Protein backbone atom coordinates (compact mmCIF):
# COMPACT_ATOMS: atom_id res chain seq x y z
CA UNK A 1 -8.65 25.79 1.98
CA UNK A 2 -6.03 23.42 3.37
CA UNK A 3 -7.37 20.17 4.77
CA UNK A 4 -5.05 18.06 6.92
CA UNK A 5 -5.35 14.29 6.99
CA UNK A 6 -6.53 12.97 10.35
CA UNK A 7 -5.67 9.49 11.60
CA UNK A 8 -9.08 8.26 10.42
CA UNK A 9 -8.34 9.51 6.91
CA UNK A 10 -4.94 7.83 6.89
CA UNK A 11 -6.60 4.61 8.05
CA UNK A 12 -9.15 4.89 5.25
CA UNK A 13 -6.37 5.61 2.78
CA UNK A 14 -4.48 2.50 3.89
CA UNK A 15 -7.65 0.41 3.51
CA UNK A 16 -8.23 1.72 -0.02
CA UNK A 17 -4.56 1.30 -0.93
CA UNK A 18 -4.58 -2.34 0.17
CA UNK A 19 -7.83 -3.03 -1.68
CA UNK A 20 -6.47 -1.47 -4.86
CA UNK A 21 -3.14 -3.28 -4.77
CA UNK A 22 -4.65 -6.61 -3.83
CA UNK A 23 -7.00 -6.33 -6.78
CA UNK A 24 -4.41 -5.13 -9.33
CA UNK A 25 -1.30 -6.88 -8.02
CA UNK A 26 -2.36 -9.95 -6.04
CA UNK A 27 1.12 -11.48 -6.29
CA UNK A 28 2.39 -8.78 -3.93
CA UNK A 29 0.36 -10.33 -1.14
CA UNK A 30 2.21 -13.62 -1.41
CA UNK A 31 4.85 -12.10 0.89
CA UNK A 32 3.70 -13.11 4.36
CA UNK A 33 6.59 -11.42 6.18
CA UNK A 34 5.42 -7.80 5.71
CA UNK A 35 2.39 -6.19 7.30
CA UNK A 36 0.74 -2.75 7.16
CA UNK A 37 -0.41 -1.85 10.67
CA UNK A 38 -3.08 0.70 11.44
CA UNK A 39 -2.21 4.11 12.80
CA UNK A 40 -3.98 3.32 16.08
CA UNK A 41 -1.32 0.69 16.84
CA UNK A 42 1.32 3.40 17.16
CA UNK A 43 -0.99 6.08 18.55
CA UNK A 44 -1.35 3.96 21.67
CA UNK A 45 2.31 4.64 22.39
CA UNK A 46 1.59 8.37 22.54
CA UNK A 47 -1.21 7.73 25.01
CA UNK A 48 0.74 5.70 27.57
CA UNK A 49 4.38 6.70 26.96
CA UNK A 50 4.85 8.75 30.16
CA UNK A 51 3.42 5.98 32.34
CA UNK A 52 5.56 3.43 30.48
CA UNK A 53 8.73 5.34 31.37
CA UNK A 54 7.90 5.06 35.07
CA UNK A 55 7.96 1.25 34.99
CA UNK A 56 9.07 -0.32 31.69
CA UNK A 57 9.19 -3.93 32.87
CA UNK A 58 6.03 -3.80 34.95
CA UNK A 59 3.92 -1.66 32.65
CA UNK A 60 0.56 -3.22 31.73
CA UNK A 61 -0.39 -2.64 28.09
CA UNK A 62 -4.07 -3.38 28.61
CA UNK A 63 -6.26 -6.48 28.49
CA UNK A 64 -7.23 -6.02 24.83
CA UNK A 65 -3.71 -5.46 23.57
CA UNK A 66 -3.54 -8.88 21.93
CA UNK A 67 -6.11 -7.69 19.37
CA UNK A 68 -3.15 -6.78 17.18
CA UNK A 69 -2.62 -9.89 15.09
CA UNK A 70 1.09 -9.82 14.31
CA UNK A 71 2.44 -13.30 13.66
CA UNK A 72 5.98 -14.34 14.53
CA UNK A 73 6.89 -14.75 10.87
CA UNK A 74 6.36 -11.01 10.28
CA UNK A 75 9.64 -9.14 9.82
CA UNK A 76 8.50 -5.77 8.44
CA UNK A 77 5.79 -3.43 9.69
CA UNK A 78 4.68 -0.41 7.66
CA UNK A 79 2.78 2.48 9.19
CA UNK A 80 2.62 6.26 9.63
CA UNK A 81 2.84 8.53 12.65
CA UNK A 82 1.69 12.12 13.11
CA UNK A 83 4.43 14.55 14.12
CA UNK A 84 2.98 17.58 15.94
CA UNK A 85 -0.47 16.52 14.81
CA UNK A 86 -0.23 17.45 11.13
CA UNK A 87 2.98 16.04 9.61
CA UNK A 88 2.53 12.40 8.60
CA UNK A 89 5.74 10.41 8.60
CA UNK A 90 6.14 6.99 7.03
CA UNK A 91 8.01 4.46 9.12
CA UNK A 92 9.24 0.96 8.43
CA UNK A 93 9.85 -1.26 11.46
CA UNK A 94 12.29 -4.10 10.81
CA UNK A 95 11.71 -6.66 13.55
CA UNK A 96 14.61 -8.86 12.46
CA UNK A 97 17.21 -6.10 12.33
CA UNK A 98 15.56 -4.32 15.26
CA UNK A 99 15.44 -0.88 13.72
CA UNK A 100 12.97 1.79 12.65
CA UNK A 101 13.49 3.68 9.40
CA UNK A 102 11.55 6.92 8.97
CA UNK A 103 11.26 8.73 5.66
CA UNK A 104 11.40 12.46 6.29
CA UNK A 105 9.69 14.17 3.35
CA UNK A 106 9.59 17.57 5.11
CA UNK A 107 13.28 18.02 5.89
CA UNK A 108 13.09 21.76 5.23
CA UNK A 109 10.85 22.13 8.28
CA UNK A 110 11.72 19.06 10.35
CA UNK A 111 15.40 18.19 10.61
CA UNK A 112 16.42 14.54 10.65
CA UNK A 113 17.57 15.05 14.23
CA UNK A 114 14.16 16.34 15.35
CA UNK A 115 12.39 13.49 13.56
CA UNK A 116 14.75 10.99 15.16
CA UNK A 117 13.99 12.45 18.60
CA UNK A 118 10.27 12.06 17.95
CA UNK A 119 10.66 8.45 16.76
CA UNK A 120 12.73 7.68 19.85
CA UNK A 121 9.60 6.98 21.95
CA UNK A 122 8.47 4.32 19.49
CA UNK A 123 11.96 2.80 19.39
CA UNK A 124 11.84 2.41 23.18
CA UNK A 125 8.31 1.05 23.53
CA UNK A 126 7.98 -1.21 20.48
CA UNK A 127 10.31 -3.96 21.75
CA UNK A 128 8.10 -4.33 24.85
CA UNK A 129 4.92 -4.24 22.74
CA UNK A 130 6.24 -6.91 20.39
CA UNK A 131 7.31 -9.08 23.34
CA UNK A 132 3.74 -8.98 24.65
CA UNK A 133 2.22 -9.67 21.23
CA UNK A 134 4.59 -12.58 20.55
CA UNK A 135 4.22 -13.81 24.15
CA UNK A 136 8.00 -14.29 24.36
CA UNK A 137 9.37 -13.38 27.80
CA UNK A 138 12.94 -13.90 26.59
CA UNK A 139 12.71 -11.37 23.76
CA UNK A 140 15.30 -8.59 23.71
CA UNK A 141 13.64 -5.35 24.84
CA UNK A 142 16.54 -2.99 24.27
CA UNK A 143 15.73 0.07 22.18
CA UNK A 144 15.46 -0.29 18.41
CA UNK A 145 18.00 1.59 16.29
CA UNK A 146 16.66 4.64 14.43
CA UNK A 147 17.40 5.59 10.83
CA UNK A 148 16.05 8.83 9.34
CA UNK A 149 16.22 9.25 5.57
CA UNK A 150 15.44 12.47 3.72
CA UNK A 151 17.21 11.92 0.39
CA UNK A 152 16.29 9.92 -2.69
CA UNK A 153 12.68 11.07 -2.89
CA UNK A 154 10.92 14.44 -3.39
CA UNK A 155 10.24 16.69 -0.44
CA UNK A 156 6.72 17.81 0.37
CA UNK A 157 6.01 21.49 -0.33
CA UNK A 158 2.82 21.62 1.72
CA UNK A 159 2.58 19.87 5.08
CA UNK A 160 -1.08 19.09 4.38
CA UNK A 161 0.14 16.83 1.54
CA UNK A 162 2.35 14.79 3.86
CA UNK A 163 -0.42 12.25 4.46
CA UNK A 164 -0.48 11.41 0.76
CA UNK A 165 3.32 11.26 0.68
CA UNK A 166 3.31 8.84 3.62
CA UNK A 167 0.71 6.58 2.01
CA UNK A 168 2.48 6.64 -1.35
CA UNK A 169 5.88 5.92 0.22
CA UNK A 170 4.39 2.98 2.13
CA UNK A 171 2.98 1.67 -1.12
CA UNK A 172 6.29 2.09 -2.98
CA UNK A 173 8.36 0.41 -0.30
CA UNK A 174 5.89 -2.43 0.11
CA UNK A 175 6.10 -2.97 -3.66
CA UNK A 176 9.91 -2.70 -3.53
CA UNK A 177 9.94 0.32 -5.83
CA UNK A 178 13.40 1.81 -5.34
CA UNK A 179 13.24 4.83 -7.68
CA UNK A 180 11.03 7.37 -5.92
CA UNK A 181 12.09 10.42 -7.93
CA UNK A 182 8.94 10.23 -10.06
CA UNK A 183 6.82 11.34 -7.12
CA UNK A 184 6.50 14.89 -8.43
CA UNK A 185 4.48 17.59 -6.70
CA UNK A 186 1.93 17.53 -9.54
CA UNK A 187 1.39 13.80 -9.17
CA UNK A 188 1.08 14.05 -5.41
CA UNK A 189 -1.49 16.85 -5.74
CA UNK A 190 -3.51 14.76 -8.18
CA UNK A 191 -3.30 11.67 -5.98
CA UNK A 192 -4.27 13.75 -2.95
CA UNK A 193 -7.46 14.98 -4.61
CA UNK A 194 -8.51 11.44 -5.51
CA UNK A 195 -7.55 9.89 -2.17
CA UNK A 196 -9.12 12.70 -0.19
CA UNK A 197 -12.50 11.91 -1.72
CA UNK A 198 -12.01 8.21 -1.06
CA UNK A 199 -10.69 8.71 2.46
CA UNK A 200 -13.43 11.07 3.57
CA UNK A 201 -16.03 8.75 2.06
CA UNK A 202 -14.58 5.70 3.78
CA UNK A 203 -14.23 7.67 7.04
CA UNK A 204 -18.01 7.54 7.39
CA UNK A 205 -17.75 3.75 7.56
CA UNK A 206 -15.62 3.82 10.74
């Protein structure tokens, strides 16, 4: 039976990934300019995007929006978004270069153009979100550039494995691992089995 990762499972996977890497590679956390943000941060864009388009400058993001603790020294944000509810896509948001890079591991089903069109909403809203979080009224709110990459790493054979791919790609990029060709289907399947148990267990804690 195929089991798709829900946002809660991705969140739990990110928590476990951070715990594991902080324990085994504490030096990686000396970099204070990169941050893994929870899926909910980007899911909020899906919830209010249509209303945002009606009034970009006057749109109110909500009274509790400052709960997202993103400091001004942060230059890279790592996260994942769900395309059509079941395809998890890793994205890297570069706040300095003002661009979003998405790593399309299902290019056989989702073309780079279709992925880019989906990411477009985030590229439009994020500058306004970051302006609110940084409390900088002079911040540039023009749309972030979008880069979609589908080469240099294995493609997912089963969409239900895309959540593991996204988590593993986030980990590799955060650790500055350039060679991603070792992410074989067998390894991903094995990782998925282990992380699924961890994620579903941790999900009960939410």
